Amino acid sequence: MAKDAVVGFITGYNFDKLKPWVYSLIDSGFAGDKIVVIYEPVGADVIIKLEELGFKTLVLSKPEPFSIMVHRFYHLWWLLNNVEEKYRYVITTDVADVIFQSNPSLHLSSFLKDNYCEILASEEGLKYRDEPWGDQNLRLSFGDTIHQTLRDEVICNAGVIAGRHEEMESLALNIFLACGGRPLHVPGGGGPDQAAYNVIINMEPWWDCL
């Protein structure tokens, strides 16, 4: 059976910032590849500690201009496109504010199998019209017309996405491409990545993959 992978992306973090994510993943019993993509600068001590704990690291120079919110999806696509053997499930999350409460492999193998889905999208429990930051982020990223069509949709979180390898590979590239021509840093905070993700998954054929 193909193994699973958890992929996180960091830049400028010390190890204390990573501890909750790192140790909760270890404690969950996850047995797949634990991968951290690191955009310089990050201290050598962080890389050494991650590798001591069984994480694989990939150190990259920052492109210019750079946004970790956007470029992580390009490098997730690149990583999944270039591995020798495809993973079964791929989980990508934010690192600074996410912890694992249980083994993600067990949850995915149950949920995706039982529901015949390819992508597991995590909802934020609010519609765009009820969340001022997200509502503004969507409007400033994609304009008034697209903003109006999605205001009654529940927001899905681009910081926690999981699914089957091929679909995650394609979704990552689609998110990156949808961010093209958008501001890398949207006024009010964040980037266009979450808005791009929500635009994509509310269209066919992606809607049928959830």
N, C-alpha and C. Protein backbone atom coordinates (compact mmCIF):
# COMPACT_ATOMS: atom_id res chain seq x y z
N MET A 1 0.85 -1.20 0.00
CA MET A 1 0.00 0.00 0.00
C MET A 1 0.88 1.25 0.00
N ALA A 2 0.50 2.24 -0.79
CA ALA A 2 1.24 3.50 -0.83
C ALA A 2 1.12 4.20 0.52
N LYS A 3 2.18 4.89 0.92
CA LYS A 3 2.16 5.61 2.18
C LYS A 3 1.58 7.01 1.99
N ASP A 4 1.33 7.68 3.11
CA ASP A 4 0.77 9.02 3.11
C ASP A 4 1.87 10.03 3.38
N ALA A 5 1.55 11.31 3.20
CA ALA A 5 2.52 12.38 3.48
C ALA A 5 1.80 13.56 4.11
N VAL A 6 2.46 14.17 5.09
CA VAL A 6 2.06 15.47 5.64
C VAL A 6 3.12 16.46 5.22
N VAL A 7 2.70 17.59 4.66
CA VAL A 7 3.63 18.59 4.15
C VAL A 7 3.32 19.95 4.77
N GLY A 8 4.34 20.56 5.38
CA GLY A 8 4.20 21.91 5.91
C GLY A 8 5.25 22.82 5.30
N PHE A 9 5.02 24.11 5.39
CA PHE A 9 5.90 25.11 4.78
C PHE A 9 6.23 26.18 5.82
N ILE A 10 7.52 26.54 5.93
CA ILE A 10 7.91 27.53 6.93
C ILE A 10 8.93 28.50 6.35
N THR A 11 9.00 29.66 6.97
CA THR A 11 10.08 30.61 6.70
C THR A 11 10.26 31.47 7.94
N GLY A 12 11.51 31.64 8.36
CA GLY A 12 11.80 32.54 9.46
C GLY A 12 11.38 32.06 10.84
N TYR A 13 10.98 30.80 10.99
CA TYR A 13 10.53 30.30 12.28
C TYR A 13 11.69 29.72 13.08
N ASN A 14 11.64 29.88 14.41
CA ASN A 14 12.50 29.09 15.28
C ASN A 14 11.75 27.81 15.66
N PHE A 15 12.45 26.88 16.32
CA PHE A 15 11.81 25.59 16.57
C PHE A 15 10.65 25.70 17.54
N ASP A 16 10.71 26.63 18.49
CA ASP A 16 9.60 26.78 19.43
C ASP A 16 8.28 27.04 18.72
N LYS A 17 8.35 27.77 17.61
CA LYS A 17 7.14 28.07 16.84
C LYS A 17 6.54 26.81 16.23
N LEU A 18 7.39 25.82 15.97
CA LEU A 18 6.96 24.59 15.29
C LEU A 18 6.51 23.49 16.25
N LYS A 19 6.88 23.63 17.53
CA LYS A 19 6.71 22.51 18.46
C LYS A 19 5.30 21.91 18.49
N PRO A 20 4.23 22.71 18.62
CA PRO A 20 2.90 22.10 18.71
C PRO A 20 2.57 21.25 17.48
N TRP A 21 2.89 21.77 16.30
CA TRP A 21 2.61 21.04 15.05
C TRP A 21 3.47 19.78 14.98
N VAL A 22 4.76 19.92 15.24
CA VAL A 22 5.69 18.80 15.13
C VAL A 22 5.34 17.68 16.10
N TYR A 23 5.21 18.02 17.37
CA TYR A 23 5.01 16.96 18.36
C TYR A 23 3.60 16.38 18.32
N SER A 24 2.61 17.18 17.93
CA SER A 24 1.27 16.60 17.81
C SER A 24 1.21 15.62 16.66
N LEU A 25 1.94 15.87 15.57
CA LEU A 25 1.98 14.92 14.47
C LEU A 25 2.69 13.65 14.89
N ILE A 26 3.81 13.77 15.58
CA ILE A 26 4.52 12.59 16.06
C ILE A 26 3.63 11.79 17.02
N ASP A 27 3.01 12.47 17.97
CA ASP A 27 2.19 11.79 18.97
C ASP A 27 0.94 11.16 18.38
N SER A 28 0.51 11.63 17.21
CA SER A 28 -0.71 11.08 16.60
C SER A 28 -0.52 9.65 16.11
N GLY A 29 0.74 9.23 15.96
CA GLY A 29 1.01 7.90 15.42
C GLY A 29 1.11 7.86 13.91
N PHE A 30 1.12 9.01 13.27
CA PHE A 30 1.24 9.07 11.82
C PHE A 30 2.53 8.40 11.38
N ALA A 31 2.43 7.48 10.41
CA ALA A 31 3.57 6.67 10.00
C ALA A 31 4.09 7.00 8.61
N GLY A 32 3.52 7.99 7.94
CA GLY A 32 3.95 8.33 6.59
C GLY A 32 5.12 9.30 6.59
N ASP A 33 5.37 9.90 5.44
CA ASP A 33 6.44 10.89 5.32
C ASP A 33 6.00 12.22 5.94
N LYS A 34 6.85 12.74 6.79
CA LYS A 34 6.63 14.05 7.41
C LYS A 34 7.63 15.01 6.76
N ILE A 35 7.11 15.97 5.98
CA ILE A 35 7.95 16.81 5.13
C ILE A 35 7.77 18.28 5.51
N VAL A 36 8.87 18.98 5.66
CA VAL A 36 8.82 20.43 5.89
C VAL A 36 9.62 21.11 4.78
N VAL A 37 8.94 21.94 4.00
CA VAL A 37 9.59 22.75 2.98
C VAL A 37 9.97 24.07 3.64
N ILE A 38 11.25 24.41 3.55
CA ILE A 38 11.80 25.55 4.28
C ILE A 38 12.29 26.60 3.30
N TYR A 39 11.71 27.78 3.40
CA TYR A 39 12.20 28.92 2.63
C TYR A 39 13.20 29.69 3.48
N GLU A 40 14.38 29.87 2.95
CA GLU A 40 15.41 30.60 3.70
C GLU A 40 14.93 32.02 4.03
N PRO A 41 15.33 32.61 5.15
CA PRO A 41 16.28 32.03 6.11
C PRO A 41 15.58 31.28 7.25
N VAL A 42 16.14 30.12 7.58
CA VAL A 42 15.76 29.37 8.78
C VAL A 42 17.06 28.84 9.36
N GLY A 43 17.19 28.90 10.68
CA GLY A 43 18.43 28.50 11.32
C GLY A 43 18.75 27.03 11.11
N ALA A 44 20.03 26.72 11.04
CA ALA A 44 20.47 25.34 10.88
C ALA A 44 19.98 24.46 12.03
N ASP A 45 19.83 25.05 13.23
CA ASP A 45 19.36 24.27 14.38
C ASP A 45 17.95 23.75 14.16
N VAL A 46 17.13 24.53 13.44
CA VAL A 46 15.76 24.09 13.15
C VAL A 46 15.78 22.88 12.22
N ILE A 47 16.59 22.94 11.19
CA ILE A 47 16.69 21.83 10.24
C ILE A 47 17.22 20.59 10.93
N ILE A 48 18.26 20.74 11.74
CA ILE A 48 18.85 19.60 12.45
C ILE A 48 17.82 18.95 13.37
N LYS A 49 17.08 19.77 14.12
CA LYS A 49 16.09 19.23 15.06
C LYS A 49 14.97 18.50 14.32
N LEU A 50 14.49 19.06 13.24
CA LEU A 50 13.44 18.40 12.46
C LEU A 50 13.91 17.05 11.95
N GLU A 51 15.11 17.01 11.43
CA GLU A 51 15.63 15.76 10.88
C GLU A 51 15.89 14.73 11.97
N GLU A 52 16.32 15.18 13.15
CA GLU A 52 16.48 14.28 14.28
C GLU A 52 15.16 13.62 14.67
N LEU A 53 14.07 14.36 14.49
CA LEU A 53 12.74 13.86 14.85
C LEU A 53 12.07 13.08 13.73
N GLY A 54 12.79 12.85 12.63
CA GLY A 54 12.26 12.01 11.56
C GLY A 54 11.57 12.74 10.45
N PHE A 55 11.71 14.07 10.41
CA PHE A 55 11.11 14.86 9.34
C PHE A 55 12.08 14.97 8.18
N LYS A 56 11.55 14.94 6.97
CA LYS A 56 12.34 15.23 5.78
C LYS A 56 12.27 16.74 5.54
N THR A 57 13.39 17.34 5.17
CA THR A 57 13.40 18.78 4.93
C THR A 57 13.84 19.09 3.51
N LEU A 58 13.27 20.12 2.96
CA LEU A 58 13.64 20.63 1.64
C LEU A 58 13.84 22.13 1.77
N VAL A 59 15.08 22.58 1.60
CA VAL A 59 15.41 24.00 1.78
C VAL A 59 15.44 24.68 0.41
N LEU A 60 14.68 25.76 0.28
CA LEU A 60 14.57 26.48 -0.99
C LEU A 60 14.88 27.96 -0.79
N SER A 61 15.44 28.57 -1.80
CA SER A 61 15.58 30.01 -1.80
C SER A 61 14.24 30.65 -2.12
N LYS A 62 14.01 31.82 -1.59
CA LYS A 62 12.75 32.51 -1.86
C LYS A 62 12.78 33.11 -3.26
N PRO A 63 11.74 32.88 -4.06
CA PRO A 63 11.62 33.64 -5.30
C PRO A 63 11.29 35.09 -4.96
N GLU A 64 11.51 35.97 -5.90
CA GLU A 64 11.18 37.38 -5.70
C GLU A 64 10.24 37.87 -6.79
N PRO A 65 9.12 38.47 -6.45
CA PRO A 65 8.60 38.66 -5.10
C PRO A 65 8.09 37.34 -4.51
N PHE A 66 7.90 37.32 -3.19
CA PHE A 66 7.60 36.06 -2.50
C PHE A 66 6.41 36.21 -1.57
N SER A 67 5.58 35.18 -1.55
CA SER A 67 4.52 35.04 -0.55
C SER A 67 4.43 33.56 -0.20
N ILE A 68 4.68 33.21 1.04
CA ILE A 68 4.60 31.80 1.41
C ILE A 68 3.19 31.26 1.21
N MET A 69 2.17 32.13 1.37
CA MET A 69 0.79 31.68 1.19
C MET A 69 0.53 31.20 -0.23
N VAL A 70 1.19 31.84 -1.19
CA VAL A 70 0.99 31.51 -2.61
C VAL A 70 2.01 30.49 -3.09
N HIS A 71 3.28 30.73 -2.81
CA HIS A 71 4.33 29.88 -3.37
C HIS A 71 4.33 28.47 -2.78
N ARG A 72 3.75 28.29 -1.60
CA ARG A 72 3.66 26.92 -1.06
C ARG A 72 2.87 26.01 -1.99
N PHE A 73 1.88 26.56 -2.67
CA PHE A 73 1.08 25.70 -3.54
C PHE A 73 1.84 25.32 -4.82
N TYR A 74 2.67 26.22 -5.30
CA TYR A 74 3.53 25.86 -6.44
C TYR A 74 4.50 24.75 -6.03
N HIS A 75 5.11 24.90 -4.88
CA HIS A 75 6.11 23.91 -4.48
C HIS A 75 5.48 22.62 -3.99
N LEU A 76 4.23 22.67 -3.51
CA LEU A 76 3.52 21.42 -3.23
C LEU A 76 3.28 20.67 -4.53
N TRP A 77 2.83 21.39 -5.55
CA TRP A 77 2.65 20.75 -6.87
C TRP A 77 3.98 20.17 -7.36
N TRP A 78 5.04 20.97 -7.29
CA TRP A 78 6.36 20.52 -7.76
C TRP A 78 6.81 19.26 -7.01
N LEU A 79 6.63 19.27 -5.71
CA LEU A 79 7.04 18.13 -4.89
C LEU A 79 6.27 16.87 -5.28
N LEU A 80 4.95 16.98 -5.38
CA LEU A 80 4.12 15.81 -5.70
C LEU A 80 4.34 15.35 -7.13
N ASN A 81 4.69 16.28 -8.01
CA ASN A 81 4.93 15.93 -9.40
C ASN A 81 6.26 15.21 -9.59
N ASN A 82 7.17 15.32 -8.62
CA ASN A 82 8.52 14.79 -8.80
C ASN A 82 8.89 13.64 -7.88
N VAL A 83 7.99 13.20 -7.02
CA VAL A 83 8.32 12.05 -6.17
C VAL A 83 8.36 10.78 -7.02
N GLU A 84 9.19 9.83 -6.60
CA GLU A 84 9.33 8.59 -7.37
C GLU A 84 8.09 7.74 -7.29
N GLU A 85 7.47 7.67 -6.13
CA GLU A 85 6.26 6.88 -5.94
C GLU A 85 5.15 7.77 -5.40
N LYS A 86 3.97 7.66 -5.97
CA LYS A 86 2.85 8.49 -5.53
C LYS A 86 2.41 8.09 -4.13
N TYR A 87 2.00 9.09 -3.38
CA TYR A 87 1.42 8.84 -2.06
C TYR A 87 -0.03 8.39 -2.21
N ARG A 88 -0.54 7.79 -1.15
CA ARG A 88 -1.97 7.48 -1.10
C ARG A 88 -2.73 8.77 -0.80
N TYR A 89 -2.49 9.36 0.36
CA TYR A 89 -3.11 10.62 0.75
C TYR A 89 -2.03 11.64 1.06
N VAL A 90 -2.33 12.91 0.74
CA VAL A 90 -1.44 14.02 1.02
C VAL A 90 -2.19 15.02 1.89
N ILE A 91 -1.58 15.41 2.99
CA ILE A 91 -2.17 16.38 3.90
C ILE A 91 -1.23 17.58 3.95
N THR A 92 -1.73 18.77 3.67
CA THR A 92 -0.91 19.97 3.79
C THR A 92 -1.61 20.95 4.72
N THR A 93 -0.86 21.49 5.66
CA THR A 93 -1.46 22.37 6.65
C THR A 93 -0.54 23.56 6.93
N ASP A 94 -1.14 24.62 7.48
CA ASP A 94 -0.34 25.65 8.12
C ASP A 94 0.43 25.00 9.27
N VAL A 95 1.52 25.62 9.66
CA VAL A 95 2.36 25.04 10.71
C VAL A 95 2.24 25.80 12.03
N ALA A 96 2.10 27.12 11.97
CA ALA A 96 2.14 27.92 13.19
C ALA A 96 0.88 27.80 14.04
N ASP A 97 -0.25 27.42 13.44
CA ASP A 97 -1.50 27.45 14.20
C ASP A 97 -2.35 26.20 13.98
N VAL A 98 -1.71 25.07 13.71
CA VAL A 98 -2.43 23.81 13.50
C VAL A 98 -1.80 22.74 14.38
N ILE A 99 -2.65 21.90 15.00
CA ILE A 99 -2.17 20.70 15.68
C ILE A 99 -2.99 19.51 15.21
N PHE A 100 -2.43 18.33 15.39
CA PHE A 100 -3.11 17.09 15.01
C PHE A 100 -3.69 16.46 16.27
N GLN A 101 -5.00 16.26 16.26
CA GLN A 101 -5.66 15.67 17.42
C GLN A 101 -5.74 14.15 17.33
N SER A 102 -5.51 13.61 16.14
CA SER A 102 -5.50 12.16 15.94
C SER A 102 -4.72 11.87 14.67
N ASN A 103 -4.53 10.61 14.37
CA ASN A 103 -3.77 10.21 13.20
C ASN A 103 -4.54 10.57 11.93
N PRO A 104 -4.04 11.49 11.11
CA PRO A 104 -4.79 11.89 9.92
C PRO A 104 -4.98 10.75 8.91
N SER A 105 -4.07 9.80 8.89
CA SER A 105 -4.21 8.67 7.96
C SER A 105 -5.48 7.87 8.26
N LEU A 106 -5.74 7.63 9.54
CA LEU A 106 -6.92 6.85 9.91
C LEU A 106 -8.20 7.59 9.55
N HIS A 107 -8.22 8.89 9.78
CA HIS A 107 -9.40 9.69 9.45
C HIS A 107 -9.64 9.71 7.94
N LEU A 108 -8.60 9.91 7.17
CA LEU A 108 -8.75 9.99 5.72
C LEU A 108 -9.15 8.66 5.13
N SER A 109 -8.54 7.58 5.59
CA SER A 109 -8.87 6.27 5.02
C SER A 109 -10.32 5.92 5.28
N SER A 110 -10.87 6.39 6.40
CA SER A 110 -12.28 6.15 6.69
C SER A 110 -13.18 7.10 5.91
N PHE A 111 -12.90 8.39 5.99
CA PHE A 111 -13.80 9.39 5.41
C PHE A 111 -13.83 9.32 3.89
N LEU A 112 -12.66 9.32 3.27
CA LEU A 112 -12.64 9.35 1.80
C LEU A 112 -13.17 8.05 1.21
N LYS A 113 -12.87 6.93 1.85
CA LYS A 113 -13.37 5.64 1.36
C LYS A 113 -14.89 5.58 1.46
N ASP A 114 -15.41 5.99 2.62
CA ASP A 114 -16.86 5.89 2.84
C ASP A 114 -17.64 6.87 1.97
N ASN A 115 -17.03 7.98 1.58
CA ASN A 115 -17.74 9.01 0.84
C ASN A 115 -17.32 9.12 -0.63
N TYR A 116 -16.41 8.26 -1.05
CA TYR A 116 -15.94 8.24 -2.45
C TYR A 116 -15.47 9.63 -2.90
N CYS A 117 -14.79 10.34 -1.99
CA CYS A 117 -14.29 11.67 -2.30
C CYS A 117 -12.81 11.61 -2.63
N GLU A 118 -12.31 12.65 -3.27
CA GLU A 118 -10.88 12.76 -3.54
C GLU A 118 -10.22 13.84 -2.71
N ILE A 119 -10.99 14.85 -2.28
CA ILE A 119 -10.47 15.97 -1.51
C ILE A 119 -11.30 16.14 -0.24
N LEU A 120 -10.62 16.32 0.89
CA LEU A 120 -11.29 16.65 2.13
C LEU A 120 -11.04 18.12 2.43
N ALA A 121 -12.09 18.93 2.30
CA ALA A 121 -11.99 20.37 2.55
C ALA A 121 -12.48 20.66 3.96
N SER A 122 -11.74 21.47 4.70
CA SER A 122 -12.12 21.82 6.07
C SER A 122 -12.84 23.17 6.05
N GLU A 123 -14.07 23.17 6.55
CA GLU A 123 -14.86 24.40 6.57
C GLU A 123 -14.54 25.23 7.81
N GLU A 124 -14.73 26.54 7.69
CA GLU A 124 -14.52 27.44 8.83
C GLU A 124 -15.81 27.71 9.60
N GLY A 125 -16.93 27.18 9.12
CA GLY A 125 -18.18 27.32 9.86
C GLY A 125 -18.86 28.66 9.68
N LEU A 126 -18.39 29.47 8.74
CA LEU A 126 -18.97 30.79 8.47
C LEU A 126 -19.08 31.00 6.98
N LYS A 127 -20.14 31.68 6.56
CA LYS A 127 -20.24 32.10 5.17
C LYS A 127 -19.39 33.36 4.97
N TYR A 128 -19.01 33.60 3.74
CA TYR A 128 -18.20 34.78 3.45
C TYR A 128 -18.86 36.05 3.95
N ARG A 129 -20.17 36.18 3.76
CA ARG A 129 -20.85 37.42 4.14
C ARG A 129 -20.80 37.66 5.65
N ASP A 130 -20.53 36.61 6.44
CA ASP A 130 -20.53 36.73 7.89
C ASP A 130 -19.12 36.81 8.48
N GLU A 131 -18.10 36.87 7.64
CA GLU A 131 -16.72 36.89 8.13
C GLU A 131 -15.99 38.06 7.48
N PRO A 132 -15.86 39.19 8.18
CA PRO A 132 -15.36 40.41 7.55
C PRO A 132 -14.00 40.25 6.87
N TRP A 133 -13.05 39.55 7.52
CA TRP A 133 -11.73 39.41 6.90
C TRP A 133 -11.83 38.63 5.59
N GLY A 134 -12.50 37.48 5.63
CA GLY A 134 -12.61 36.66 4.43
C GLY A 134 -13.39 37.35 3.33
N ASP A 135 -14.45 38.06 3.71
CA ASP A 135 -15.28 38.76 2.73
C ASP A 135 -14.45 39.80 1.98
N GLN A 136 -13.66 40.58 2.73
CA GLN A 136 -12.82 41.59 2.10
C GLN A 136 -11.71 40.93 1.28
N ASN A 137 -11.13 39.85 1.81
CA ASN A 137 -10.05 39.17 1.09
C ASN A 137 -10.53 38.65 -0.26
N LEU A 138 -11.72 38.07 -0.29
CA LEU A 138 -12.28 37.57 -1.55
C LEU A 138 -12.52 38.71 -2.53
N ARG A 139 -13.09 39.81 -2.06
CA ARG A 139 -13.41 40.94 -2.95
C ARG A 139 -12.14 41.57 -3.51
N LEU A 140 -11.14 41.78 -2.65
CA LEU A 140 -9.92 42.41 -3.11
C LEU A 140 -9.07 41.50 -3.98
N SER A 141 -9.23 40.20 -3.80
CA SER A 141 -8.47 39.24 -4.61
C SER A 141 -9.08 39.03 -5.98
N PHE A 142 -10.42 38.98 -6.08
CA PHE A 142 -11.06 38.57 -7.33
C PHE A 142 -12.12 39.53 -7.85
N GLY A 143 -12.34 40.63 -7.18
CA GLY A 143 -13.26 41.63 -7.71
C GLY A 143 -14.70 41.43 -7.29
N ASP A 144 -15.52 42.42 -7.62
CA ASP A 144 -16.89 42.47 -7.12
C ASP A 144 -17.78 41.36 -7.65
N THR A 145 -17.64 41.01 -8.92
CA THR A 145 -18.57 40.04 -9.50
C THR A 145 -18.39 38.66 -8.88
N ILE A 146 -17.16 38.16 -8.82
CA ILE A 146 -16.91 36.85 -8.21
C ILE A 146 -17.22 36.90 -6.72
N HIS A 147 -16.89 38.01 -6.09
CA HIS A 147 -17.21 38.19 -4.67
C HIS A 147 -18.70 38.00 -4.42
N GLN A 148 -19.54 38.60 -5.25
CA GLN A 148 -20.98 38.50 -5.05
C GLN A 148 -21.50 37.07 -5.26
N THR A 149 -20.87 36.33 -6.17
CA THR A 149 -21.35 34.96 -6.43
C THR A 149 -21.02 33.99 -5.31
N LEU A 150 -20.03 34.32 -4.46
CA LEU A 150 -19.59 33.39 -3.43
C LEU A 150 -19.94 33.83 -2.01
N ARG A 151 -20.60 34.96 -1.84
CA ARG A 151 -20.81 35.49 -0.49
C ARG A 151 -21.69 34.60 0.37
N ASP A 152 -22.54 33.78 -0.25
CA ASP A 152 -23.41 32.89 0.52
C ASP A 152 -22.82 31.50 0.69
N GLU A 153 -21.57 31.30 0.26
CA GLU A 153 -20.92 30.00 0.41
C GLU A 153 -20.13 29.96 1.72
N VAL A 154 -20.06 28.78 2.32
CA VAL A 154 -19.26 28.58 3.52
C VAL A 154 -17.78 28.59 3.14
N ILE A 155 -16.97 29.29 3.92
CA ILE A 155 -15.54 29.41 3.63
C ILE A 155 -14.84 28.10 3.97
N CYS A 156 -13.99 27.64 3.05
CA CYS A 156 -13.11 26.51 3.33
C CYS A 156 -11.69 27.03 3.55
N ASN A 157 -10.99 26.38 4.45
CA ASN A 157 -9.70 26.86 4.94
C ASN A 157 -8.56 26.32 4.09
N ALA A 158 -7.82 27.23 3.45
CA ALA A 158 -6.69 26.81 2.62
C ALA A 158 -5.51 26.35 3.46
N GLY A 159 -5.58 26.51 4.78
CA GLY A 159 -4.50 26.09 5.65
C GLY A 159 -4.60 24.66 6.13
N VAL A 160 -5.67 23.95 5.77
CA VAL A 160 -5.81 22.52 6.10
C VAL A 160 -6.54 21.86 4.94
N ILE A 161 -5.79 21.17 4.09
CA ILE A 161 -6.37 20.49 2.93
C ILE A 161 -5.76 19.09 2.85
N ALA A 162 -6.58 18.12 2.49
CA ALA A 162 -6.08 16.76 2.36
C ALA A 162 -6.81 16.06 1.23
N GLY A 163 -6.18 15.03 0.69
CA GLY A 163 -6.84 14.27 -0.35
C GLY A 163 -5.89 13.29 -1.02
N ARG A 164 -6.39 12.68 -2.08
CA ARG A 164 -5.58 11.71 -2.82
C ARG A 164 -4.50 12.44 -3.60
N HIS A 165 -3.39 11.73 -3.84
CA HIS A 165 -2.20 12.35 -4.40
C HIS A 165 -2.49 13.12 -5.69
N GLU A 166 -3.08 12.49 -6.68
CA GLU A 166 -3.24 13.14 -7.99
C GLU A 166 -4.13 14.36 -7.90
N GLU A 167 -5.19 14.27 -7.13
CA GLU A 167 -6.09 15.42 -7.00
C GLU A 167 -5.43 16.56 -6.22
N MET A 168 -4.65 16.23 -5.19
CA MET A 168 -3.94 17.28 -4.45
C MET A 168 -2.88 17.93 -5.32
N GLU A 169 -2.22 17.15 -6.14
CA GLU A 169 -1.22 17.70 -7.06
C GLU A 169 -1.86 18.71 -8.01
N SER A 170 -2.98 18.33 -8.61
CA SER A 170 -3.66 19.22 -9.55
C SER A 170 -4.26 20.43 -8.85
N LEU A 171 -4.84 20.22 -7.68
CA LEU A 171 -5.45 21.33 -6.95
C LEU A 171 -4.40 22.36 -6.56
N ALA A 172 -3.24 21.91 -6.11
CA ALA A 172 -2.18 22.84 -5.71
C ALA A 172 -1.77 23.73 -6.88
N LEU A 173 -1.59 23.14 -8.05
CA LEU A 173 -1.20 23.94 -9.21
C LEU A 173 -2.32 24.89 -9.62
N ASN A 174 -3.56 24.44 -9.55
CA ASN A 174 -4.69 25.30 -9.88
C ASN A 174 -4.76 26.51 -8.94
N ILE A 175 -4.52 26.30 -7.65
CA ILE A 175 -4.55 27.41 -6.70
C ILE A 175 -3.44 28.41 -7.03
N PHE A 176 -2.23 27.90 -7.28
CA PHE A 176 -1.12 28.79 -7.61
C PHE A 176 -1.41 29.59 -8.87
N LEU A 177 -1.91 28.94 -9.90
CA LEU A 177 -2.19 29.64 -11.15
C LEU A 177 -3.30 30.66 -11.00
N ALA A 178 -4.31 30.33 -10.17
CA ALA A 178 -5.41 31.27 -9.95
C ALA A 178 -4.95 32.52 -9.22
N CYS A 179 -3.84 32.42 -8.49
CA CYS A 179 -3.29 33.58 -7.79
C CYS A 179 -2.48 34.48 -8.71
N GLY A 180 -2.20 34.02 -9.92
CA GLY A 180 -1.43 34.82 -10.86
C GLY A 180 -2.13 36.12 -11.20
N GLY A 181 -1.40 37.21 -11.15
CA GLY A 181 -1.98 38.52 -11.43
C GLY A 181 -2.72 39.12 -10.25
N ARG A 182 -2.80 38.39 -9.15
CA ARG A 182 -3.44 38.91 -7.93
C ARG A 182 -2.35 39.48 -7.02
N PRO A 183 -2.72 40.35 -6.09
CA PRO A 183 -1.71 40.85 -5.15
C PRO A 183 -1.22 39.72 -4.26
N LEU A 184 0.09 39.55 -4.12
CA LEU A 184 0.63 38.50 -3.26
C LEU A 184 0.27 38.73 -1.80
N HIS A 185 0.12 40.01 -1.44
CA HIS A 185 -0.24 40.37 -0.07
C HIS A 185 -1.47 41.27 -0.14
N VAL A 186 -2.61 40.74 0.28
CA VAL A 186 -3.87 41.44 0.14
C VAL A 186 -4.02 42.43 1.31
N PRO A 187 -4.45 43.66 1.04
CA PRO A 187 -4.68 44.62 2.14
C PRO A 187 -5.60 44.02 3.20
N GLY A 188 -5.21 44.19 4.45
CA GLY A 188 -5.97 43.60 5.54
C GLY A 188 -5.35 42.32 6.06
N GLY A 189 -4.33 41.82 5.35
CA GLY A 189 -3.63 40.63 5.80
C GLY A 189 -3.91 39.42 4.94
N GLY A 190 -2.92 38.54 4.87
CA GLY A 190 -3.07 37.32 4.09
C GLY A 190 -2.78 37.54 2.62
N GLY A 191 -2.99 36.49 1.86
CA GLY A 191 -2.81 36.53 0.43
C GLY A 191 -4.06 36.10 -0.29
N PRO A 192 -4.00 35.91 -1.61
CA PRO A 192 -5.17 35.51 -2.37
C PRO A 192 -5.41 34.01 -2.40
N ASP A 193 -4.60 33.24 -1.69
CA ASP A 193 -4.64 31.78 -1.79
C ASP A 193 -5.97 31.19 -1.33
N GLN A 194 -6.48 31.66 -0.18
CA GLN A 194 -7.73 31.09 0.31
C GLN A 194 -8.90 31.46 -0.61
N ALA A 195 -8.91 32.68 -1.09
CA ALA A 195 -9.96 33.08 -2.04
C ALA A 195 -9.87 32.23 -3.31
N ALA A 196 -8.66 32.04 -3.82
CA ALA A 196 -8.47 31.21 -5.02
C ALA A 196 -8.96 29.80 -4.79
N TYR A 197 -8.61 29.24 -3.66
CA TYR A 197 -9.04 27.87 -3.31
C TYR A 197 -10.56 27.77 -3.29
N ASN A 198 -11.21 28.76 -2.68
CA ASN A 198 -12.67 28.70 -2.59
C ASN A 198 -13.35 28.92 -3.94
N VAL A 199 -12.78 29.78 -4.77
CA VAL A 199 -13.32 29.94 -6.12
C VAL A 199 -13.25 28.61 -6.87
N ILE A 200 -12.11 27.95 -6.78
CA ILE A 200 -11.90 26.69 -7.52
C ILE A 200 -12.83 25.60 -7.04
N ILE A 201 -12.92 25.38 -5.73
CA ILE A 201 -13.69 24.23 -5.26
C ILE A 201 -15.19 24.45 -5.35
N ASN A 202 -15.61 25.68 -5.63
CA ASN A 202 -17.04 25.92 -5.86
C ASN A 202 -17.42 25.81 -7.33
N MET A 203 -16.48 25.32 -8.16
CA MET A 203 -16.75 25.10 -9.57
C MET A 203 -16.63 23.60 -9.88
N GLU A 204 -17.32 23.18 -10.93
CA GLU A 204 -17.11 21.84 -11.44
C GLU A 204 -15.82 21.78 -12.25
N PRO A 205 -15.12 20.65 -12.28
CA PRO A 205 -15.49 19.38 -11.63
C PRO A 205 -15.04 19.27 -10.19
N TRP A 206 -14.42 20.33 -9.63
CA TRP A 206 -13.87 20.20 -8.29
C TRP A 206 -14.95 19.96 -7.24
N TRP A 207 -16.12 20.57 -7.43
CA TRP A 207 -17.19 20.39 -6.44
C TRP A 207 -17.51 18.93 -6.24
N ASP A 208 -17.44 18.14 -7.30
CA ASP A 208 -17.76 16.70 -7.18
C ASP A 208 -16.64 15.89 -6.56
N CYS A 209 -15.47 16.53 -6.34
CA CYS A 209 -14.35 15.82 -5.71
C CYS A 209 -14.40 15.90 -4.20
N LEU A 210 -15.27 16.77 -3.64
CA LEU A 210 -15.27 16.99 -2.20
C LEU A 210 -16.13 15.97 -1.47
